[in-house]
Amino acid sequence: MIGNGHKLEKIVESTSNLSQVRKADLQFGDMVFIKTRNSLYSISVLESDYYLVCGGWFDRKGLSPTKESISGCTWGGSIIKVDTLAACGLRLEFGNRVLTTPIQKVYVLRGNGKN
């Protein structure tokens, strides 16, 4: 048992119903727009698991745009979906350990013009 009494299997099972964007489904040049409870982020897909990030915490710290890795998505604790760039209801964790508020909406703009 972990956290509030949920078994790990139940948590993993619940992820199949999430509206999510998997890292493997993105290509160089794709842009992902993420609306969290408190911020808006724009993320451009670069090479080798790196992204060009603008918005939110990075804007407030004067760091936008910045090249950053993305660890994955989390419920706010130590369990993380490393294959996921964004999932509604979860929090995005960047490689620098910055954690967003829960994601509300995600929009993908394909670099090849397909949405």
Protein backbone atom coordinates (compact mmCIF):
# COMPACT_ATOMS: atom_id res chain seq x y z
CA MET A 1 0.00 0.00 0.00
CA ILE A 2 1.15 3.54 -0.71
CA GLY A 3 -0.06 7.04 -0.06
CA ASN A 4 -3.75 7.17 0.77
CA GLY A 5 -4.24 3.42 0.76
CA HIS A 6 -4.19 2.76 -2.99
CA LYS A 7 -2.26 -0.20 -4.27
CA LEU A 8 0.34 0.53 -6.92
CA GLU A 9 -1.53 -1.71 -9.37
CA LYS A 10 -4.69 0.40 -9.03
CA ILE A 11 -2.75 3.61 -9.67
CA VAL A 12 -1.10 2.16 -12.79
CA GLU A 13 -4.46 0.82 -13.99
CA SER A 14 -6.08 4.25 -13.60
CA THR A 15 -3.54 5.84 -15.96
CA SER A 16 -5.02 4.05 -18.98
CA ASN A 17 -8.04 6.40 -18.80
CA LEU A 18 -6.02 9.62 -18.65
CA SER A 19 -6.05 12.15 -21.46
CA GLN A 20 -2.30 12.18 -22.03
CA VAL A 21 0.51 12.94 -24.46
CA ARG A 22 3.25 10.34 -24.52
CA LYS A 23 6.82 11.40 -25.23
CA ALA A 24 7.19 8.64 -27.84
CA ASP A 25 4.30 10.10 -29.86
CA LEU A 26 6.08 13.44 -30.33
CA GLN A 27 8.58 14.39 -33.02
CA PHE A 28 11.15 17.14 -33.47
CA GLY A 29 9.34 20.40 -34.16
CA ASP A 30 6.06 19.48 -32.44
CA MET A 31 4.76 22.02 -29.94
CA VAL A 32 2.78 21.18 -26.83
CA PHE A 33 0.72 23.81 -25.03
CA ILE A 34 -0.12 22.97 -21.43
CA LYS A 35 -2.58 24.84 -19.22
CA THR A 36 -2.13 24.08 -15.54
CA ARG A 37 -4.21 25.43 -12.69
CA ASN A 38 -1.85 28.41 -12.34
CA SER A 39 0.16 28.72 -15.56
CA LEU A 40 0.49 28.23 -19.29
CA TYR A 41 3.54 26.48 -20.79
CA SER A 42 4.64 26.10 -24.41
CA ILE A 43 7.03 23.24 -25.05
CA SER A 44 8.84 22.66 -28.36
CA VAL A 45 10.25 19.21 -28.97
CA LEU A 46 14.00 19.25 -29.60
CA GLU A 47 16.40 16.31 -29.83
CA SER A 48 17.57 13.66 -27.35
CA ASP A 49 14.80 14.08 -24.76
CA TYR A 50 15.20 17.85 -24.54
CA TYR A 51 12.57 20.51 -24.99
CA LEU A 52 12.50 24.29 -25.41
CA VAL A 53 10.25 25.49 -22.58
CA CYS A 54 8.54 28.86 -22.10
CA GLY A 55 5.96 30.05 -19.60
CA GLY A 56 4.96 29.48 -16.01
CA TRP A 57 7.81 29.15 -13.51
CA PHE A 58 10.41 29.73 -16.24
CA ASP A 59 8.86 33.11 -17.16
CA ARG A 60 8.60 34.15 -13.52
CA LYS A 61 12.31 33.38 -13.01
CA GLY A 62 13.31 35.18 -16.24
CA LEU A 63 14.58 31.93 -17.79
CA SER A 64 12.27 31.59 -20.81
CA PRO A 65 13.03 30.15 -23.25
CA THR A 66 15.19 27.43 -21.74
CA LYS A 67 16.37 24.02 -22.91
CA GLU A 68 15.15 21.48 -20.35
CA SER A 69 14.45 17.78 -19.96
CA ILE A 70 11.10 16.51 -18.73
CA SER A 71 11.07 13.78 -16.10
CA GLY A 72 7.40 12.92 -16.67
CA CYS A 73 4.09 13.34 -14.89
CA THR A 74 3.24 12.69 -11.27
CA TRP A 75 0.30 12.77 -8.91
CA GLY A 76 2.40 15.08 -6.69
CA GLY A 77 4.33 12.37 -4.87
CA SER A 78 7.21 10.11 -5.79
CA ILE A 79 5.40 7.95 -8.38
CA ILE A 80 6.16 9.29 -11.86
CA LYS A 81 5.05 8.31 -15.36
CA VAL A 82 8.36 8.75 -17.18
CA ASP A 83 6.85 7.96 -20.60
CA THR A 84 4.36 10.84 -20.37
CA LEU A 85 4.97 14.48 -21.26
CA ALA A 86 1.55 15.69 -20.11
CA ALA A 87 -1.61 14.17 -18.64
CA CYS A 88 -4.72 15.99 -17.48
CA GLY A 89 -5.06 15.83 -13.72
CA LEU A 90 -1.38 15.09 -13.14
CA ARG A 91 1.55 17.45 -12.54
CA LEU A 92 4.39 17.94 -15.01
CA GLU A 93 7.87 17.48 -13.54
CA PHE A 94 10.78 19.09 -15.37
CA GLY A 95 14.36 17.80 -15.22
CA ASN A 96 15.30 20.64 -12.86
CA ARG A 97 12.72 19.24 -10.35
CA VAL A 98 10.18 22.05 -10.94
CA LEU A 99 6.70 20.60 -10.47
CA THR A 100 3.63 22.29 -11.97
CA THR A 101 0.16 22.53 -10.53
CA PRO A 102 -2.30 19.95 -11.97
CA ILE A 103 -2.64 20.00 -15.76
CA GLN A 104 -6.06 21.09 -16.99
CA LYS A 105 -5.69 21.10 -20.78
CA VAL A 106 -3.13 19.93 -23.34
CA TYR A 107 -2.93 20.82 -27.02
CA VAL A 108 -0.41 19.40 -29.50
CA LEU A 109 0.52 21.30 -32.65
CA ARG A 110 2.36 18.98 -35.02
CA GLY A 111 5.48 20.34 -36.70
CA ASN A 112 4.31 18.83 -39.97
CA GLY A 113 1.02 20.75 -39.80
CA LYS A 114 -1.12 17.88 -38.47
CA ASN A 115 -2.98 18.41 -35.16
